[in-house]
Amino acid sequence: MVRKIVLWLIRLYQKTLSPDHGWFKKRFLFGYCRFNPTCSEYAYQTIKKYGVIRGGIKAIWRILRCNPFSKGGEDPINYDK
C-alpha cells in the first residue's frame, strides 16, 4: 500500500514539476538530469523493484550523486540480480 502511494507521488512529480518530464520540459530541450534514466525514473524503478526502504535508499544515493561535479551517464537498474 505504501509502495503504491510513493510510486503515485513520483509519477505526479514527473507530470507536473519535473524539468525532464513535466511542464518545464520545454525550457530544458536537451534534458536536465545528468543520468539516464532520469533521477525520478530511477527512483520509480528502484522502489517498484526493491520496495520503499531499500529502493528509497538507492534513490536518495542517486540524487546525492546528481550534482555539477558528477559526470553522469548511463546508470540503469540491474534487473538480473
N, C-alpha and C. Protein backbone atom coordinates (compact mmCIF):
# COMPACT_ATOMS: atom_id res chain seq x y z
N MET A 1 0.82 -1.19 0.00
CA MET A 1 0.00 0.00 0.00
C MET A 1 0.87 1.26 0.00
N VAL A 2 1.89 1.29 0.86
CA VAL A 2 2.78 2.46 0.94
C VAL A 2 3.55 2.59 -0.37
N ARG A 3 3.96 1.46 -0.95
CA ARG A 3 4.71 1.49 -2.21
C ARG A 3 3.88 2.14 -3.31
N LYS A 4 2.61 1.79 -3.39
CA LYS A 4 1.74 2.37 -4.42
C LYS A 4 1.59 3.87 -4.25
N ILE A 5 1.49 4.33 -3.01
CA ILE A 5 1.36 5.76 -2.75
C ILE A 5 2.63 6.50 -3.17
N VAL A 6 3.79 5.95 -2.80
CA VAL A 6 5.06 6.58 -3.15
C VAL A 6 5.25 6.60 -4.67
N LEU A 7 4.92 5.50 -5.34
CA LEU A 7 5.04 5.46 -6.80
C LEU A 7 4.10 6.47 -7.45
N TRP A 8 2.90 6.62 -6.91
CA TRP A 8 1.96 7.60 -7.43
C TRP A 8 2.49 9.02 -7.24
N LEU A 9 3.10 9.28 -6.10
CA LEU A 9 3.67 10.62 -5.84
C LEU A 9 4.82 10.93 -6.80
N ILE A 10 5.63 9.92 -7.11
CA ILE A 10 6.72 10.13 -8.07
C ILE A 10 6.16 10.45 -9.45
N ARG A 11 5.14 9.71 -9.88
CA ARG A 11 4.51 9.99 -11.18
C ARG A 11 3.87 11.37 -11.20
N LEU A 12 3.26 11.78 -10.10
CA LEU A 12 2.68 13.11 -10.00
C LEU A 12 3.76 14.17 -10.16
N TYR A 13 4.88 13.99 -9.48
CA TYR A 13 6.02 14.91 -9.62
C TYR A 13 6.48 14.97 -11.07
N GLN A 14 6.60 13.80 -11.71
CA GLN A 14 7.09 13.75 -13.08
C GLN A 14 6.16 14.50 -14.03
N LYS A 15 4.87 14.39 -13.82
CA LYS A 15 3.91 15.03 -14.72
C LYS A 15 3.76 16.52 -14.48
N THR A 16 4.20 17.00 -13.32
CA THR A 16 3.99 18.41 -13.00
C THR A 16 5.30 19.19 -12.90
N LEU A 17 6.13 18.92 -11.93
CA LEU A 17 7.27 19.76 -11.60
C LEU A 17 8.60 19.33 -12.21
N SER A 18 8.69 18.13 -12.70
CA SER A 18 9.96 17.61 -13.20
C SER A 18 10.45 18.39 -14.43
N PRO A 19 11.71 18.85 -14.42
CA PRO A 19 12.24 19.55 -15.59
C PRO A 19 12.47 18.62 -16.78
N ASP A 20 12.49 17.31 -16.57
CA ASP A 20 12.70 16.37 -17.67
C ASP A 20 11.40 15.76 -18.20
N HIS A 21 10.35 15.75 -17.39
CA HIS A 21 9.11 15.08 -17.81
C HIS A 21 7.89 15.99 -17.80
N GLY A 22 7.90 17.01 -16.98
CA GLY A 22 6.69 17.78 -16.73
C GLY A 22 6.55 19.06 -17.52
N TRP A 23 5.91 20.04 -16.90
CA TRP A 23 5.59 21.31 -17.54
C TRP A 23 6.83 22.08 -17.97
N PHE A 24 7.94 21.92 -17.28
CA PHE A 24 9.14 22.69 -17.57
C PHE A 24 10.03 22.03 -18.62
N LYS A 25 9.56 20.96 -19.22
CA LYS A 25 10.34 20.23 -20.22
C LYS A 25 10.70 21.13 -21.41
N LYS A 26 9.83 22.07 -21.74
CA LYS A 26 10.08 22.95 -22.88
C LYS A 26 11.25 23.90 -22.62
N ARG A 27 11.54 24.18 -21.36
CA ARG A 27 12.65 25.08 -21.02
C ARG A 27 14.00 24.36 -21.07
N PHE A 28 14.00 23.04 -20.95
CA PHE A 28 15.23 22.24 -20.95
C PHE A 28 15.17 21.26 -22.12
N LEU A 29 15.44 21.75 -23.32
CA LEU A 29 15.26 20.95 -24.52
C LEU A 29 16.15 19.71 -24.57
N PHE A 30 17.33 19.79 -23.99
CA PHE A 30 18.25 18.65 -24.03
C PHE A 30 18.24 17.86 -22.73
N GLY A 31 17.27 18.14 -21.88
CA GLY A 31 17.16 17.43 -20.60
C GLY A 31 17.92 18.15 -19.51
N TYR A 32 17.57 17.84 -18.31
CA TYR A 32 18.16 18.49 -17.16
C TYR A 32 19.01 17.53 -16.35
N CYS A 33 18.56 16.31 -16.21
CA CYS A 33 19.25 15.31 -15.40
C CYS A 33 20.51 14.84 -16.12
N ARG A 34 21.57 14.61 -15.36
CA ARG A 34 22.85 14.17 -15.91
C ARG A 34 22.87 12.67 -16.20
N PHE A 35 21.93 11.95 -15.63
CA PHE A 35 21.92 10.50 -15.76
C PHE A 35 20.81 10.03 -16.70
N ASN A 36 20.97 8.82 -17.17
CA ASN A 36 19.94 8.16 -17.94
C ASN A 36 19.74 6.77 -17.35
N PRO A 37 18.58 6.41 -16.85
CA PRO A 37 17.33 7.16 -16.80
C PRO A 37 17.42 8.32 -15.81
N THR A 38 16.47 9.23 -15.91
CA THR A 38 16.46 10.40 -15.04
C THR A 38 16.34 9.96 -13.59
N CYS A 39 16.67 10.84 -12.67
CA CYS A 39 16.65 10.51 -11.25
C CYS A 39 15.27 10.10 -10.78
N SER A 40 14.23 10.77 -11.26
CA SER A 40 12.88 10.41 -10.82
C SER A 40 12.46 9.05 -11.39
N GLU A 41 12.85 8.76 -12.62
CA GLU A 41 12.52 7.46 -13.21
C GLU A 41 13.31 6.35 -12.52
N TYR A 42 14.56 6.63 -12.16
CA TYR A 42 15.38 5.68 -11.41
C TYR A 42 14.73 5.38 -10.06
N ALA A 43 14.27 6.44 -9.38
CA ALA A 43 13.61 6.26 -8.08
C ALA A 43 12.35 5.41 -8.25
N TYR A 44 11.58 5.69 -9.28
CA TYR A 44 10.35 4.91 -9.52
C TYR A 44 10.68 3.44 -9.73
N GLN A 45 11.67 3.17 -10.57
CA GLN A 45 12.03 1.78 -10.87
C GLN A 45 12.61 1.05 -9.67
N THR A 46 13.47 1.70 -8.89
CA THR A 46 14.07 1.01 -7.74
C THR A 46 13.04 0.76 -6.65
N ILE A 47 12.16 1.71 -6.41
CA ILE A 47 11.13 1.49 -5.39
C ILE A 47 10.16 0.41 -5.84
N LYS A 48 9.86 0.37 -7.12
CA LYS A 48 8.97 -0.68 -7.64
C LYS A 48 9.63 -2.06 -7.49
N LYS A 49 10.94 -2.12 -7.71
CA LYS A 49 11.64 -3.41 -7.65
C LYS A 49 12.00 -3.82 -6.22
N TYR A 50 12.58 -2.90 -5.44
CA TYR A 50 13.15 -3.25 -4.14
C TYR A 50 12.28 -2.88 -2.95
N GLY A 51 11.25 -2.08 -3.15
CA GLY A 51 10.43 -1.66 -2.02
C GLY A 51 10.80 -0.25 -1.58
N VAL A 52 10.01 0.27 -0.66
CA VAL A 52 10.15 1.67 -0.26
C VAL A 52 11.47 1.92 0.47
N ILE A 53 11.86 1.04 1.37
CA ILE A 53 13.06 1.31 2.18
C ILE A 53 14.33 1.12 1.36
N ARG A 54 14.56 -0.06 0.83
CA ARG A 54 15.79 -0.32 0.08
C ARG A 54 15.83 0.50 -1.21
N GLY A 55 14.72 0.56 -1.93
CA GLY A 55 14.66 1.36 -3.14
C GLY A 55 14.80 2.84 -2.85
N GLY A 56 14.23 3.29 -1.73
CA GLY A 56 14.35 4.68 -1.33
C GLY A 56 15.78 5.07 -1.03
N ILE A 57 16.51 4.18 -0.37
CA ILE A 57 17.92 4.43 -0.08
C ILE A 57 18.72 4.53 -1.38
N LYS A 58 18.46 3.63 -2.33
CA LYS A 58 19.15 3.68 -3.62
C LYS A 58 18.80 4.98 -4.37
N ALA A 59 17.55 5.40 -4.30
CA ALA A 59 17.13 6.62 -4.97
C ALA A 59 17.79 7.85 -4.34
N ILE A 60 17.86 7.89 -3.03
CA ILE A 60 18.50 9.01 -2.34
C ILE A 60 19.98 9.07 -2.69
N TRP A 61 20.65 7.91 -2.74
CA TRP A 61 22.06 7.87 -3.11
C TRP A 61 22.26 8.39 -4.52
N ARG A 62 21.35 8.04 -5.42
CA ARG A 62 21.43 8.53 -6.80
C ARG A 62 21.25 10.04 -6.86
N ILE A 63 20.29 10.58 -6.12
CA ILE A 63 20.04 12.01 -6.11
C ILE A 63 21.24 12.76 -5.53
N LEU A 64 21.89 12.18 -4.53
CA LEU A 64 23.08 12.81 -3.96
C LEU A 64 24.24 12.85 -4.95
N ARG A 65 24.29 11.87 -5.84
CA ARG A 65 25.35 11.84 -6.86
C ARG A 65 25.07 12.78 -8.02
N CYS A 66 23.84 13.25 -8.15
CA CYS A 66 23.46 14.13 -9.25
C CYS A 66 23.78 15.57 -8.85
N ASN A 67 24.98 16.00 -9.18
CA ASN A 67 25.43 17.35 -8.84
C ASN A 67 26.34 17.86 -9.95
N PRO A 68 26.69 19.13 -9.92
CA PRO A 68 27.51 19.69 -11.00
C PRO A 68 28.90 19.06 -11.14
N PHE A 69 29.40 18.40 -10.12
CA PHE A 69 30.73 17.79 -10.17
C PHE A 69 30.71 16.35 -10.69
N SER A 70 29.53 15.81 -10.93
CA SER A 70 29.37 14.44 -11.40
C SER A 70 29.34 14.42 -12.93
N LYS A 71 29.93 13.38 -13.51
CA LYS A 71 29.90 13.23 -14.96
C LYS A 71 28.53 12.77 -15.45
N GLY A 72 27.82 12.00 -14.61
CA GLY A 72 26.52 11.47 -15.02
C GLY A 72 26.73 10.26 -15.90
N GLY A 73 25.84 10.07 -16.88
CA GLY A 73 25.96 8.96 -17.81
C GLY A 73 24.88 7.92 -17.61
N GLU A 74 25.15 6.74 -18.13
CA GLU A 74 24.21 5.62 -18.02
C GLU A 74 24.30 5.00 -16.63
N ASP A 75 23.15 4.82 -16.00
CA ASP A 75 23.10 4.22 -14.67
C ASP A 75 21.80 3.42 -14.54
N PRO A 76 21.73 2.29 -15.27
CA PRO A 76 20.47 1.53 -15.28
C PRO A 76 20.27 0.71 -13.99
N ILE A 77 19.05 0.26 -13.82
CA ILE A 77 18.71 -0.65 -12.73
C ILE A 77 19.12 -2.05 -13.19
N ASN A 78 19.78 -2.79 -12.32
CA ASN A 78 20.17 -4.17 -12.68
C ASN A 78 19.01 -5.09 -12.37
N TYR A 79 18.34 -5.56 -13.43
CA TYR A 79 17.17 -6.41 -13.24
C TYR A 79 17.52 -7.87 -13.07
N ASP A 80 18.77 -8.27 -13.38
CA ASP A 80 19.12 -9.67 -13.28
C ASP A 80 19.53 -10.07 -11.87
N LYS A 81 19.64 -9.15 -10.94
CA LYS A 81 20.05 -9.51 -9.58
C LYS A 81 18.85 -9.79 -8.74
